[in-house]
Amino acid sequence: MRNKSKLSITIDNKILKEVEKVSNDSNFSKSQLTEEALKLWFKKNNEKLMAKGYEEMAKEDQEFSESTLAAQKETIYE
């Protein structure tokens, strides 16, 4: 059984020419090249989402730290 499916896309002629050149120069089929490009795009996009999540978590952690510090100061000085 085949693990691949066909995909028909429409792209700019300039990009197609670049794909064909790279495909010929690197001995990759256009399908292989496109698949690798999509994998890289998905990886980069996932990394951006993870970075955004970590930034939001850091902000929440900072806010929590500041609120607990204030509570600790109140307890110490009472």
Protein backbone atom coordinates (compact mmCIF):
# COMPACT_ATOMS: atom_id res chain seq x y z
CA MET A 1 0.00 0.00 0.00
CA ARG A 2 1.21 3.47 -0.89
CA ASN A 3 1.77 6.11 1.81
CA LYS A 4 1.76 9.00 -0.61
CA SER A 5 -1.07 11.01 -2.14
CA LYS A 6 -1.13 13.29 -5.12
CA LEU A 7 -1.49 17.02 -4.70
CA SER A 8 -2.14 19.52 -7.42
CA ILE A 9 -0.99 23.07 -6.69
CA THR A 10 -0.78 26.34 -8.56
CA ILE A 11 2.33 28.44 -8.01
CA ASP A 12 3.97 31.48 -9.51
CA ASN A 13 6.01 30.75 -12.67
CA LYS A 14 9.13 32.27 -11.12
CA ILE A 15 8.92 29.91 -8.15
CA LEU A 16 8.27 26.96 -10.45
CA LYS A 17 11.41 27.77 -12.43
CA GLU A 18 13.42 27.89 -9.21
CA VAL A 19 11.93 24.57 -8.09
CA GLU A 20 12.80 22.98 -11.43
CA LYS A 21 16.36 24.32 -11.29
CA VAL A 22 16.93 23.09 -7.73
CA SER A 23 15.29 19.79 -8.61
CA ASN A 24 17.64 19.27 -11.55
CA ASP A 25 20.74 20.48 -9.69
CA SER A 26 20.14 18.43 -6.55
CA ASN A 27 18.77 15.24 -8.09
CA PHE A 28 15.54 15.57 -6.11
CA SER A 29 12.17 15.19 -7.76
CA LYS A 30 9.88 18.21 -7.57
CA SER A 31 7.66 16.15 -5.28
CA GLN A 32 10.54 15.37 -2.91
CA LEU A 33 11.65 18.99 -2.91
CA THR A 34 8.13 20.24 -2.22
CA GLU A 35 7.62 17.69 0.55
CA GLU A 36 10.88 18.72 2.24
CA ALA A 37 9.97 22.41 1.94
CA LEU A 38 6.59 21.76 3.56
CA LYS A 39 8.20 19.76 6.38
CA LEU A 40 10.55 22.67 7.07
CA TRP A 41 7.65 25.13 7.00
CA PHE A 42 5.63 23.00 9.46
CA LYS A 43 8.65 22.69 11.76
CA LYS A 44 9.32 26.44 11.69
CA ASN A 45 5.65 27.25 12.28
CA ASN A 46 5.51 24.80 15.20
CA GLU A 47 8.64 26.37 16.71
CA LYS A 48 7.04 29.82 16.45
CA LEU A 49 3.92 28.57 18.23
CA MET A 50 6.00 26.95 20.96
CA ALA A 51 8.05 30.12 21.44
CA LYS A 52 4.87 32.16 21.74
CA GLY A 53 3.53 29.70 24.33
CA TYR A 54 6.74 29.87 26.34
CA GLU A 55 6.65 33.67 26.27
CA GLU A 56 3.07 33.64 27.55
CA MET A 57 4.00 31.15 30.27
CA ALA A 58 6.96 33.31 31.30
CA LYS A 59 4.68 36.33 31.60
CA GLU A 60 2.22 34.33 33.72
CA ASP A 61 5.08 33.03 35.88
CA GLN A 62 6.38 36.57 36.37
CA GLU A 63 2.94 37.82 37.38
CA PHE A 64 2.51 34.90 39.80
CA SER A 65 5.96 35.50 41.30
CA GLU A 66 5.23 39.17 41.83
CA SER A 67 1.88 38.46 43.51
CA THR A 68 3.34 35.80 45.82
CA LEU A 69 6.28 38.06 46.69
CA ALA A 70 3.86 40.79 47.69
CA ALA A 71 1.92 38.32 49.85
CA GLN A 72 5.13 37.08 51.47
CA LYS A 73 6.21 40.64 52.29
CA GLU A 74 2.85 41.30 53.93
CA THR A 75 3.22 38.14 56.03
CA ILE A 76 6.78 38.93 57.08
CA TYR A 77 6.12 42.54 58.07
CA GLU A 78 2.87 41.90 59.98
